[in-house]
Amino acid sequence: MTAENFIANFINATDFVTPVDISLDTEFRTLPEWDSLAALGVIVMFDMEYQKTVSGDDLYQAVTVGDLYRWVG
């Protein structure tokens, strides 16, 4: 899994209305449309795309998209 593919999956999972530029260094909670539905989308993405279980507490501990990407392993 490349970082570019992960970022594309992240963007699809969050379903933001307004396009945003995202990199591994992006602090995802600072994104204008980040909310509980975006968080749920990311949790579902991990389950469906990567067969990984991620909780809300896990998301709270992560800061950047790169932190999330490292969980893909």
PDB file of N, CA and C in Angstrom:
ATOM      1  N   MET A   1       0.844  -1.176   0.000  1.00  0.00           N
ATOM      2  CA  MET A   1       0.000   0.000   0.000  1.00  0.00           C
ATOM      3  C   MET A   1       0.889   1.239   0.000  1.00  0.00           C
ATOM      4  N   THR A   2       0.725   2.033  -1.026  1.00  0.00           N
ATOM      5  CA  THR A   2       1.503   3.267  -1.091  1.00  0.00           C
ATOM      6  C   THR A   2       0.807   4.362  -0.290  1.00  0.00           C
ATOM      7  N   ALA A   3       1.584   5.363   0.079  1.00  0.00           N
ATOM      8  CA  ALA A   3       1.023   6.506   0.799  1.00  0.00           C
ATOM      9  C   ALA A   3      -0.029   7.209  -0.048  1.00  0.00           C
ATOM     10  N   GLU A   4       0.211   7.288  -1.349  1.00  0.00           N
ATOM     11  CA  GLU A   4      -0.743   7.958  -2.236  1.00  0.00           C
ATOM     12  C   GLU A   4      -2.080   7.222  -2.253  1.00  0.00           C
ATOM     13  N   ASN A   5      -2.038   5.897  -2.296  1.00  0.00           N
ATOM     14  CA  ASN A   5      -3.276   5.108  -2.263  1.00  0.00           C
ATOM     15  C   ASN A   5      -4.000   5.274  -0.932  1.00  0.00           C
ATOM     16  N   PHE A   6      -3.227   5.300   0.149  1.00  0.00           N
ATOM     17  CA  PHE A   6      -3.835   5.476   1.462  1.00  0.00           C
ATOM     18  C   PHE A   6      -4.521   6.832   1.555  1.00  0.00           C
ATOM     19  N   ILE A   7      -3.853   7.869   1.083  1.00  0.00           N
ATOM     20  CA  ILE A   7      -4.432   9.214   1.117  1.00  0.00           C
ATOM     21  C   ILE A   7      -5.706   9.263   0.277  1.00  0.00           C
ATOM     22  N   ALA A   8      -5.691   8.628  -0.889  1.00  0.00           N
ATOM     23  CA  ALA A   8      -6.895   8.584  -1.730  1.00  0.00           C
ATOM     24  C   ALA A   8      -8.030   7.875  -0.993  1.00  0.00           C
ATOM     25  N   ASN A   9      -7.729   6.781  -0.322  1.00  0.00           N
ATOM     26  CA  ASN A   9      -8.748   6.071   0.464  1.00  0.00           C
ATOM     27  C   ASN A   9      -9.257   6.929   1.617  1.00  0.00           C
ATOM     28  N   PHE A  10      -8.346   7.657   2.259  1.00  0.00           N
ATOM     29  CA  PHE A  10      -8.721   8.551   3.359  1.00  0.00           C
ATOM     30  C   PHE A  10      -9.688   9.621   2.861  1.00  0.00           C
ATOM     31  N   ILE A  11      -9.371  10.224   1.725  1.00  0.00           N
ATOM     32  CA  ILE A  11     -10.236  11.265   1.157  1.00  0.00           C
ATOM     33  C   ILE A  11     -11.610  10.689   0.820  1.00  0.00           C
ATOM     34  N   ASN A  12     -11.637   9.510   0.222  1.00  0.00           N
ATOM     35  CA  ASN A  12     -12.920   8.870  -0.094  1.00  0.00           C
ATOM     36  C   ASN A  12     -13.708   8.540   1.168  1.00  0.00           C
ATOM     37  N   ALA A  13     -13.022   8.082   2.197  1.00  0.00           N
ATOM     38  CA  ALA A  13     -13.690   7.674   3.433  1.00  0.00           C
ATOM     39  C   ALA A  13     -14.294   8.859   4.176  1.00  0.00           C
ATOM     40  N   THR A  14     -13.627  10.001   4.126  1.00  0.00           N
ATOM     41  CA  THR A  14     -14.119  11.164   4.859  1.00  0.00           C
ATOM     42  C   THR A  14     -15.240  11.869   4.118  1.00  0.00           C
ATOM     43  N   ASP A  15     -15.301  11.699   2.796  1.00  0.00           N
ATOM     44  CA  ASP A  15     -16.392  12.246   1.986  1.00  0.00           C
ATOM     45  C   ASP A  15     -16.568  13.750   2.177  1.00  0.00           C
ATOM     46  N   PHE A  16     -15.447  14.485   2.191  1.00  0.00           N
ATOM     47  CA  PHE A  16     -15.516  15.935   2.316  1.00  0.00           C
ATOM     48  C   PHE A  16     -16.178  16.541   1.089  1.00  0.00           C
ATOM     49  N   VAL A  17     -16.993  17.563   1.282  1.00  0.00           N
ATOM     50  CA  VAL A  17     -17.660  18.250   0.179  1.00  0.00           C
ATOM     51  C   VAL A  17     -16.668  19.142  -0.553  1.00  0.00           C
ATOM     52  N   THR A  18     -15.852  19.864   0.202  1.00  0.00           N
ATOM     53  CA  THR A  18     -14.863  20.773  -0.358  1.00  0.00           C
ATOM     54  C   THR A  18     -13.540  20.036  -0.512  1.00  0.00           C
ATOM     55  N   PRO A  19     -12.963  20.032  -1.720  1.00  0.00           N
ATOM     56  CA  PRO A  19     -11.667  19.357  -1.912  1.00  0.00           C
ATOM     57  C   PRO A  19     -10.585  19.959  -1.010  1.00  0.00           C
ATOM     58  N   VAL A  20      -9.740  19.098  -0.479  1.00  0.00           N
ATOM     59  CA  VAL A  20      -8.633  19.537   0.372  1.00  0.00           C
ATOM     60  C   VAL A  20      -7.354  18.844  -0.068  1.00  0.00           C
ATOM     61  N   ASP A  21      -6.234  19.524   0.134  1.00  0.00           N
ATOM     62  CA  ASP A  21      -4.927  18.924  -0.117  1.00  0.00           C
ATOM     63  C   ASP A  21      -4.497  18.210   1.151  1.00  0.00           C
ATOM     64  N   ILE A  22      -4.177  16.946   1.015  1.00  0.00           N
ATOM     65  CA  ILE A  22      -3.796  16.141   2.171  1.00  0.00           C
ATOM     66  C   ILE A  22      -2.471  15.461   1.885  1.00  0.00           C
ATOM     67  N   SER A  23      -1.594  15.487   2.891  1.00  0.00           N
ATOM     68  CA  SER A  23      -0.319  14.770   2.829  1.00  0.00           C
ATOM     69  C   SER A  23      -0.203  13.947   4.109  1.00  0.00           C
ATOM     70  N   LEU A  24       0.864  13.190   4.217  1.00  0.00           N
ATOM     71  CA  LEU A  24       1.073  12.412   5.439  1.00  0.00           C
ATOM     72  C   LEU A  24       1.273  13.305   6.653  1.00  0.00           C
ATOM     73  N   ASP A  25       1.686  14.554   6.431  1.00  0.00           N
ATOM     74  CA  ASP A  25       1.915  15.491   7.531  1.00  0.00           C
ATOM     75  C   ASP A  25       0.662  16.252   7.957  1.00  0.00           C
ATOM     76  N   THR A  26      -0.435  16.071   7.243  1.00  0.00           N
ATOM     77  CA  THR A  26      -1.672  16.788   7.556  1.00  0.00           C
ATOM     78  C   THR A  26      -2.223  16.347   8.906  1.00  0.00           C
ATOM     79  N   GLU A  27      -2.506  17.325   9.765  1.00  0.00           N
ATOM     80  CA  GLU A  27      -3.176  17.044  11.032  1.00  0.00           C
ATOM     81  C   GLU A  27      -4.669  16.972  10.735  1.00  0.00           C
ATOM     82  N   PHE A  28      -5.173  15.755  10.638  1.00  0.00           N
ATOM     83  CA  PHE A  28      -6.516  15.548  10.084  1.00  0.00           C
ATOM     84  C   PHE A  28      -7.621  16.207  10.891  1.00  0.00           C
ATOM     85  N   ARG A  29      -7.457  16.350  12.195  1.00  0.00           N
ATOM     86  CA  ARG A  29      -8.513  16.984  12.995  1.00  0.00           C
ATOM     87  C   ARG A  29      -8.619  18.482  12.742  1.00  0.00           C
ATOM     88  N   THR A  30      -7.629  19.070  12.071  1.00  0.00           N
ATOM     89  CA  THR A  30      -7.698  20.495  11.747  1.00  0.00           C
ATOM     90  C   THR A  30      -8.362  20.742  10.397  1.00  0.00           C
ATOM     91  N   LEU A  31      -8.701  19.687   9.671  1.00  0.00           N
ATOM     92  CA  LEU A  31      -9.369  19.855   8.382  1.00  0.00           C
ATOM     93  C   LEU A  31     -10.750  20.463   8.614  1.00  0.00           C
ATOM     94  N   PRO A  32     -11.148  21.409   7.755  1.00  0.00           N
ATOM     95  CA  PRO A  32     -12.399  22.147   7.985  1.00  0.00           C
ATOM     96  C   PRO A  32     -13.642  21.271   8.142  1.00  0.00           C
ATOM     97  N   GLU A  33     -13.716  20.164   7.441  1.00  0.00           N
ATOM     98  CA  GLU A  33     -14.924  19.344   7.493  1.00  0.00           C
ATOM     99  C   GLU A  33     -14.771  18.098   8.370  1.00  0.00           C
ATOM    100  N   TRP A  34     -13.676  18.023   9.147  1.00  0.00           N
ATOM    101  CA  TRP A  34     -13.500  16.864  10.017  1.00  0.00           C
ATOM    102  C   TRP A  34     -14.567  16.899  11.104  1.00  0.00           C
ATOM    103  N   ASP A  35     -15.298  15.820  11.236  1.00  0.00           N
ATOM    104  CA  ASP A  35     -16.319  15.696  12.267  1.00  0.00           C
ATOM    105  C   ASP A  35     -16.489  14.216  12.609  1.00  0.00           C
ATOM    106  N   SER A  36     -17.495  13.918  13.406  1.00  0.00           N
ATOM    107  CA  SER A  36     -17.682  12.532  13.840  1.00  0.00           C
ATOM    108  C   SER A  36     -18.010  11.605  12.671  1.00  0.00           C
ATOM    109  N   LEU A  37     -18.683  12.108  11.647  1.00  0.00           N
ATOM    110  CA  LEU A  37     -18.972  11.264  10.483  1.00  0.00           C
ATOM    111  C   LEU A  37     -17.710  10.956   9.689  1.00  0.00           C
ATOM    112  N   ALA A  38     -16.809  11.930   9.589  1.00  0.00           N
ATOM    113  CA  ALA A  38     -15.531  11.682   8.917  1.00  0.00           C
ATOM    114  C   ALA A  38     -14.736  10.643   9.704  1.00  0.00           C
ATOM    115  N   ALA A  39     -14.745  10.767  11.028  1.00  0.00           N
ATOM    116  CA  ALA A  39     -14.039   9.798  11.871  1.00  0.00           C
ATOM    117  C   ALA A  39     -14.617   8.398  11.681  1.00  0.00           C
ATOM    118  N   LEU A  40     -15.936   8.303  11.642  1.00  0.00           N
ATOM    119  CA  LEU A  40     -16.572   7.008  11.424  1.00  0.00           C
ATOM    120  C   LEU A  40     -16.186   6.441  10.061  1.00  0.00           C
ATOM    121  N   GLY A  41     -16.117   7.306   9.051  1.00  0.00           N
ATOM    122  CA  GLY A  41     -15.700   6.861   7.723  1.00  0.00           C
ATOM    123  C   GLY A  41     -14.299   6.278   7.733  1.00  0.00           C
ATOM    124  N   VAL A  42     -13.399   6.889   8.497  1.00  0.00           N
ATOM    125  CA  VAL A  42     -12.026   6.388   8.585  1.00  0.00           C
ATOM    126  C   VAL A  42     -11.998   5.048   9.321  1.00  0.00           C
ATOM    127  N   ILE A  43     -12.785   4.915  10.371  1.00  0.00           N
ATOM    128  CA  ILE A  43     -12.862   3.644  11.096  1.00  0.00           C
ATOM    129  C   ILE A  43     -13.360   2.538  10.168  1.00  0.00           C
ATOM    130  N   VAL A  44     -14.391   2.836   9.390  1.00  0.00           N
ATOM    131  CA  VAL A  44     -14.929   1.858   8.438  1.00  0.00           C
ATOM    132  C   VAL A  44     -13.898   1.548   7.357  1.00  0.00           C
ATOM    133  N   MET A  45     -13.162   2.566   6.895  1.00  0.00           N
ATOM    134  CA  MET A  45     -12.119   2.352   5.884  1.00  0.00           C
ATOM    135  C   MET A  45     -11.094   1.338   6.386  1.00  0.00           C
ATOM    136  N   PHE A  46     -10.642   1.509   7.627  1.00  0.00           N
ATOM    137  CA  PHE A  46      -9.664   0.570   8.170  1.00  0.00           C
ATOM    138  C   PHE A  46     -10.225  -0.846   8.208  1.00  0.00           C
ATOM    139  N   ASP A  47     -11.478  -0.974   8.580  1.00  0.00           N
ATOM    140  CA  ASP A  47     -12.101  -2.293   8.652  1.00  0.00           C
ATOM    141  C   ASP A  47     -12.255  -2.918   7.270  1.00  0.00           C
ATOM    142  N   MET A  48     -12.798  -2.173   6.328  1.00  0.00           N
ATOM    143  CA  MET A  48     -13.126  -2.719   5.010  1.00  0.00           C
ATOM    144  C   MET A  48     -11.905  -2.865   4.097  1.00  0.00           C
ATOM    145  N   GLU A  49     -11.039  -1.872   4.082  1.00  0.00           N
ATOM    146  CA  GLU A  49      -9.905  -1.865   3.152  1.00  0.00           C
ATOM    147  C   GLU A  49      -8.684  -2.609   3.689  1.00  0.00           C
ATOM    148  N   TYR A  50      -8.484  -2.541   5.006  1.00  0.00           N
ATOM    149  CA  TYR A  50      -7.231  -3.047   5.578  1.00  0.00           C
ATOM    150  C   TYR A  50      -7.434  -4.151   6.611  1.00  0.00           C
ATOM    151  N   GLN A  51      -8.690  -4.526   6.876  1.00  0.00           N
ATOM    152  CA  GLN A  51      -9.008  -5.554   7.865  1.00  0.00           C
ATOM    153  C   GLN A  51      -8.334  -5.264   9.210  1.00  0.00           C
ATOM    154  N   LYS A  52      -8.381  -4.006   9.613  1.00  0.00           N
ATOM    155  CA  LYS A  52      -7.828  -3.556  10.895  1.00  0.00           C
ATOM    156  C   LYS A  52      -8.952  -2.943  11.713  1.00  0.00           C
ATOM    157  N   THR A  53      -8.931  -3.198  13.005  1.00  0.00           N
ATOM    158  CA  THR A  53      -9.908  -2.597  13.901  1.00  0.00           C
ATOM    159  C   THR A  53      -9.303  -1.351  14.528  1.00  0.00           C
ATOM    160  N   VAL A  54      -9.969  -0.227  14.311  1.00  0.00           N
ATOM    161  CA  VAL A  54      -9.522   1.055  14.855  1.00  0.00           C
ATOM    162  C   VAL A  54     -10.692   1.638  15.639  1.00  0.00           C
ATOM    163  N   SER A  55     -10.420   2.087  16.841  1.00  0.00           N
ATOM    164  CA  SER A  55     -11.472   2.658  17.685  1.00  0.00           C
ATOM    165  C   SER A  55     -11.398   4.184  17.667  1.00  0.00           C
ATOM    166  N   GLY A  56     -12.402   4.794  18.235  1.00  0.00           N
ATOM    167  CA  GLY A  56     -12.377   6.243  18.397  1.00  0.00           C
ATOM    168  C   GLY A  56     -11.205   6.680  19.256  1.00  0.00           C
ATOM    169  N   ASP A  57     -10.881   5.898  20.274  1.00  0.00           N
ATOM    170  CA  ASP A  57      -9.725   6.212  21.122  1.00  0.00           C
ATOM    171  C   ASP A  57      -8.430   6.152  20.325  1.00  0.00           C
ATOM    172  N   ASP A  58      -8.332   5.175  19.418  1.00  0.00           N
ATOM    173  CA  ASP A  58      -7.150   5.094  18.554  1.00  0.00           C
ATOM    174  C   ASP A  58      -7.026   6.361  17.720  1.00  0.00           C
ATOM    175  N   LEU A  59      -8.136   6.797  17.125  1.00  0.00           N
ATOM    176  CA  LEU A  59      -8.106   8.017  16.313  1.00  0.00           C
ATOM    177  C   LEU A  59      -7.699   9.219  17.148  1.00  0.00           C
ATOM    178  N   TYR A  60      -8.152   9.257  18.389  1.00  0.00           N
ATOM    179  CA  TYR A  60      -7.815  10.371  19.272  1.00  0.00           C
ATOM    180  C   TYR A  60      -6.309  10.442  19.522  1.00  0.00           C
ATOM    181  N   GLN A  61      -5.648   9.298  19.562  1.00  0.00           N
ATOM    182  CA  GLN A  61      -4.205   9.265  19.809  1.00  0.00           C
ATOM    183  C   GLN A  61      -3.394   9.679  18.590  1.00  0.00           C
ATOM    184  N   ALA A  62      -3.946   9.483  17.409  1.00  0.00           N
ATOM    185  CA  ALA A  62      -3.245   9.860  16.177  1.00  0.00           C
ATOM    186  C   ALA A  62      -3.379  11.361  15.967  1.00  0.00           C
ATOM    187  N   VAL A  63      -2.370  11.937  15.311  1.00  0.00           N
ATOM    188  CA  VAL A  63      -2.389  13.372  15.038  1.00  0.00           C
ATOM    189  C   VAL A  63      -2.424  13.632  13.540  1.00  0.00           C
ATOM    190  N   THR A  64      -1.595  12.920  12.801  1.00  0.00           N
ATOM    191  CA  THR A  64      -1.472  13.177  11.366  1.00  0.00           C
ATOM    192  C   THR A  64      -1.998  11.999  10.545  1.00  0.00           C
ATOM    193  N   VAL A  65      -2.207  12.263   9.266  1.00  0.00           N
ATOM    194  CA  VAL A  65      -2.585  11.195   8.345  1.00  0.00           C
ATOM    195  C   VAL A  65      -1.474  10.145   8.310  1.00  0.00           C
ATOM    196  N   GLY A  66      -0.230  10.573   8.448  1.00  0.00           N
ATOM    197  CA  GLY A  66       0.896   9.642   8.489  1.00  0.00           C
ATOM    198  C   GLY A  66       0.821   8.691   9.672  1.00  0.00           C
ATOM    199  N   ASP A  67       0.336   9.186  10.813  1.00  0.00           N
ATOM    200  CA  ASP A  67       0.137   8.304  11.968  1.00  0.00           C
ATOM    201  C   ASP A  67      -0.844   7.193  11.613  1.00  0.00           C
ATOM    202  N   LEU A  68      -1.914   7.553  10.921  1.00  0.00           N
ATOM    203  CA  LEU A  68      -2.904   6.558  10.499  1.00  0.00           C
ATOM    204  C   LEU A  68      -2.300   5.587   9.497  1.00  0.00           C
ATOM    205  N   TYR A  69      -1.527   6.111   8.566  1.00  0.00           N
ATOM    206  CA  TYR A  69      -0.901   5.281   7.523  1.00  0.00           C
ATOM    207  C   TYR A  69       0.013   4.221   8.138  1.00  0.00           C
ATOM    208  N   ARG A  70       0.720   4.561   9.193  1.00  0.00           N
ATOM    209  CA  ARG A  70       1.619   3.604   9.842  1.00  0.00           C
ATOM    210  C   ARG A  70       0.849   2.414  10.417  1.00  0.00           C
ATOM    211  N   TRP A  71      -0.422   2.600  10.731  1.00  0.00           N
ATOM    212  CA  TRP A  71      -1.225   1.499  11.266  1.00  0.00           C
ATOM    213  C   TRP A  71      -1.512   0.441  10.218  1.00  0.00           C
ATOM    214  N   VAL A  72      -1.421   0.812   8.945  1.00  0.00           N
ATOM    215  CA  VAL A  72      -1.697  -0.153   7.880  1.00  0.00           C
ATOM    216  C   VAL A  72      -0.651  -1.251   7.909  1.00  0.00           C
ATOM    217  N   GLY A  73       0.578  -0.863   8.284  1.00  0.00           N
ATOM    218  CA  GLY A  73       1.671  -1.809   8.442  1.00  0.00           C
ATOM    219  C   GLY A  73       2.032  -2.476   7.188  1.00  0.00           C
TER     220      GLY A  73
END
